[in-house]
Amino acid sequence: MDEFYPMPMFINLEVKDLPASVAWYQDALGFRLLFSDPPGEPAMAHLRRDRYQDLLLCMSFNTEPRALVVTDWSFTDSYCHETAVDRIRS
C-alpha cells in the first residue's frame, strides 16, 4: 500500500496527451499511478516512483505557445536501473 505524507514540493507538468504521458512515465521510468481524476477521461494524474519522487500531470487545454521551463533531474544508481536509462535514451 502506498504511503501518503506531506510533500514540501513536487513537479506539476502540463501535458497534451495524458494517457500517453502516464504510460511513458510508467514504462520508461518506473513510476506508478497513485490517483487520477475524474474517472473515465482523467484530466490529472498523480504518479510516484519512490519516496518524494512524485509528479502531478495535468491536461493542458492551452493552445497558445508557452515559455519553455527546464528542470534538472538527478538519479543515483540506487534509484535508476539500466533498463530505465536505456528506455530514456531510445
C-alpha atoms as a PDB file:
ATOM      1  CA  MET A   1       0.000   0.000   0.000  1.00  0.00           C
ATOM      2  CA  ASP A   2       1.219   3.476  -0.851  1.00  0.00           C
ATOM      3  CA  GLU A   3       2.159   5.791   1.967  1.00  0.00           C
ATOM      4  CA  PHE A   4       0.737   9.321   1.992  1.00  0.00           C
ATOM      5  CA  TYR A   5       2.793  12.063   3.621  1.00  0.00           C
ATOM      6  CA  PRO A   6       3.274  15.846   3.347  1.00  0.00           C
ATOM      7  CA  MET A   7       5.315  16.899   0.340  1.00  0.00           C
ATOM      8  CA  PRO A   8       7.397  20.091   0.571  1.00  0.00           C
ATOM      9  CA  MET A   9       7.086  20.447  -3.230  1.00  0.00           C
ATOM     10  CA  PHE A  10       6.643  18.363  -6.342  1.00  0.00           C
ATOM     11  CA  ILE A  11       6.707  18.831 -10.081  1.00  0.00           C
ATOM     12  CA  ASN A  12       3.460  19.737 -11.820  1.00  0.00           C
ATOM     13  CA  LEU A  13       3.582  19.230 -15.595  1.00  0.00           C
ATOM     14  CA  GLU A  14       1.011  20.196 -18.213  1.00  0.00           C
ATOM     15  CA  VAL A  15       0.759  17.570 -20.966  1.00  0.00           C
ATOM     16  CA  LYS A  16      -1.209  17.392 -24.229  1.00  0.00           C
ATOM     17  CA  ASP A  17      -1.873  13.638 -24.084  1.00  0.00           C
ATOM     18  CA  LEU A  18      -2.402  12.461 -20.501  1.00  0.00           C
ATOM     19  CA  PRO A  19      -2.761   8.691 -21.178  1.00  0.00           C
ATOM     20  CA  ALA A  20       0.382   8.629 -23.355  1.00  0.00           C
ATOM     21  CA  SER A  21       2.341  10.681 -20.809  1.00  0.00           C
ATOM     22  CA  VAL A  22       1.293   8.448 -17.906  1.00  0.00           C
ATOM     23  CA  ALA A  23       2.254   5.357 -19.919  1.00  0.00           C
ATOM     24  CA  TRP A  24       5.688   6.820 -20.730  1.00  0.00           C
ATOM     25  CA  TYR A  25       6.470   7.680 -17.099  1.00  0.00           C
ATOM     26  CA  GLN A  26       5.362   4.197 -16.035  1.00  0.00           C
ATOM     27  CA  ASP A  27       7.087   2.213 -18.793  1.00  0.00           C
ATOM     28  CA  ALA A  28      10.271   4.250 -19.263  1.00  0.00           C
ATOM     29  CA  LEU A  29      10.959   5.490 -15.736  1.00  0.00           C
ATOM     30  CA  GLY A  30       9.161   3.065 -13.445  1.00  0.00           C
ATOM     31  CA  PHE A  31       6.607   5.466 -11.959  1.00  0.00           C
ATOM     32  CA  ARG A  32       3.292   4.059 -10.724  1.00  0.00           C
ATOM     33  CA  LEU A  33      -0.097   5.710 -10.880  1.00  0.00           C
ATOM     34  CA  LEU A  34      -1.434   6.653  -7.439  1.00  0.00           C
ATOM     35  CA  PHE A  35      -4.520   8.600  -8.448  1.00  0.00           C
ATOM     36  CA  SER A  36      -6.262  10.067 -11.477  1.00  0.00           C
ATOM     37  CA  ASP A  37      -9.418  12.133 -11.732  1.00  0.00           C
ATOM     38  CA  PRO A  38     -12.124  12.396 -12.955  1.00  0.00           C
ATOM     39  CA  PRO A  39     -12.938   8.739 -13.682  1.00  0.00           C
ATOM     40  CA  GLY A  40     -13.316   7.777 -17.337  1.00  0.00           C
ATOM     41  CA  GLU A  41     -11.354  10.562 -19.001  1.00  0.00           C
ATOM     42  CA  PRO A  42      -8.960  11.891 -16.362  1.00  0.00           C
ATOM     43  CA  ALA A  43      -7.649  15.441 -16.552  1.00  0.00           C
ATOM     44  CA  MET A  44      -4.920  14.865 -13.939  1.00  0.00           C
ATOM     45  CA  ALA A  45      -2.748  12.018 -12.682  1.00  0.00           C
ATOM     46  CA  HIS A  46      -0.566  11.684  -9.575  1.00  0.00           C
ATOM     47  CA  LEU A  47       2.499   9.475 -10.192  1.00  0.00           C
ATOM     48  CA  ARG A  48       5.188   8.245  -7.801  1.00  0.00           C
ATOM     49  CA  ARG A  49       8.460   6.447  -8.387  1.00  0.00           C
ATOM     50  CA  ASP A  50       9.891   6.417  -4.865  1.00  0.00           C
ATOM     51  CA  ARG A  51       9.508   8.422  -1.666  1.00  0.00           C
ATOM     52  CA  TYR A  52       9.445  12.144  -2.535  1.00  0.00           C
ATOM     53  CA  GLN A  53       9.604  11.388  -6.267  1.00  0.00           C
ATOM     54  CA  ASP A  54       6.078  12.497  -7.143  1.00  0.00           C
ATOM     55  CA  LEU A  55       4.732  14.104 -10.309  1.00  0.00           C
ATOM     56  CA  LEU A  56       1.374  15.673 -10.992  1.00  0.00           C
ATOM     57  CA  LEU A  57       0.463  15.511 -14.681  1.00  0.00           C
ATOM     58  CA  CYS A  58      -2.406  17.753 -15.807  1.00  0.00           C
ATOM     59  CA  MET A  59      -4.056  18.047 -19.187  1.00  0.00           C
ATOM     60  CA  SER A  60      -3.114  21.235 -20.990  1.00  0.00           C
ATOM     61  CA  PHE A  61      -6.018  22.901 -22.743  1.00  0.00           C
ATOM     62  CA  ASN A  62      -3.915  25.900 -23.737  1.00  0.00           C
ATOM     63  CA  THR A  63      -3.445  26.130 -27.496  1.00  0.00           C
ATOM     64  CA  GLU A  64      -1.088  29.123 -27.382  1.00  0.00           C
ATOM     65  CA  PRO A  65       2.705  28.612 -27.346  1.00  0.00           C
ATOM     66  CA  ARG A  66       4.130  28.766 -23.846  1.00  0.00           C
ATOM     67  CA  ALA A  67       7.515  29.512 -22.349  1.00  0.00           C
ATOM     68  CA  LEU A  68       9.851  26.557 -22.004  1.00  0.00           C
ATOM     69  CA  VAL A  69      10.677  25.518 -18.456  1.00  0.00           C
ATOM     70  CA  VAL A  70      13.798  23.423 -17.910  1.00  0.00           C
ATOM     71  CA  THR A  71      14.048  21.133 -14.909  1.00  0.00           C
ATOM     72  CA  ASP A  72      17.157  19.228 -13.846  1.00  0.00           C
ATOM     73  CA  TRP A  73      16.596  15.677 -12.647  1.00  0.00           C
ATOM     74  CA  SER A  74      19.109  13.651 -10.729  1.00  0.00           C
ATOM     75  CA  PHE A  75      19.038   9.868 -10.496  1.00  0.00           C
ATOM     76  CA  THR A  76      21.514   7.869  -8.489  1.00  0.00           C
ATOM     77  CA  ASP A  77      22.444   4.270  -9.187  1.00  0.00           C
ATOM     78  CA  SER A  78      20.271   3.103  -6.306  1.00  0.00           C
ATOM     79  CA  TYR A  79      17.184   4.579  -7.976  1.00  0.00           C
ATOM     80  CA  CYS A  80      17.804   4.250 -11.697  1.00  0.00           C
ATOM     81  CA  HIS A  81      18.090   0.832 -13.285  1.00  0.00           C
ATOM     82  CA  GLU A  82      19.958   0.316 -16.547  1.00  0.00           C
ATOM     83  CA  THR A  83      16.751  -0.657 -18.314  1.00  0.00           C
ATOM     84  CA  ALA A  84      15.186   2.717 -17.427  1.00  0.00           C
ATOM     85  CA  VAL A  85      18.274   4.565 -18.678  1.00  0.00           C
ATOM     86  CA  ASP A  86      18.148   2.586 -21.946  1.00  0.00           C
ATOM     87  CA  ARG A  87      14.439   3.430 -22.386  1.00  0.00           C
ATOM     88  CA  ILE A  88      15.064   7.116 -21.800  1.00  0.00           C
ATOM     89  CA  ARG A  89      17.813   7.167 -24.423  1.00  0.00           C
ATOM     90  CA  SER A  90      15.659   5.449 -27.037  1.00  0.00           C
END
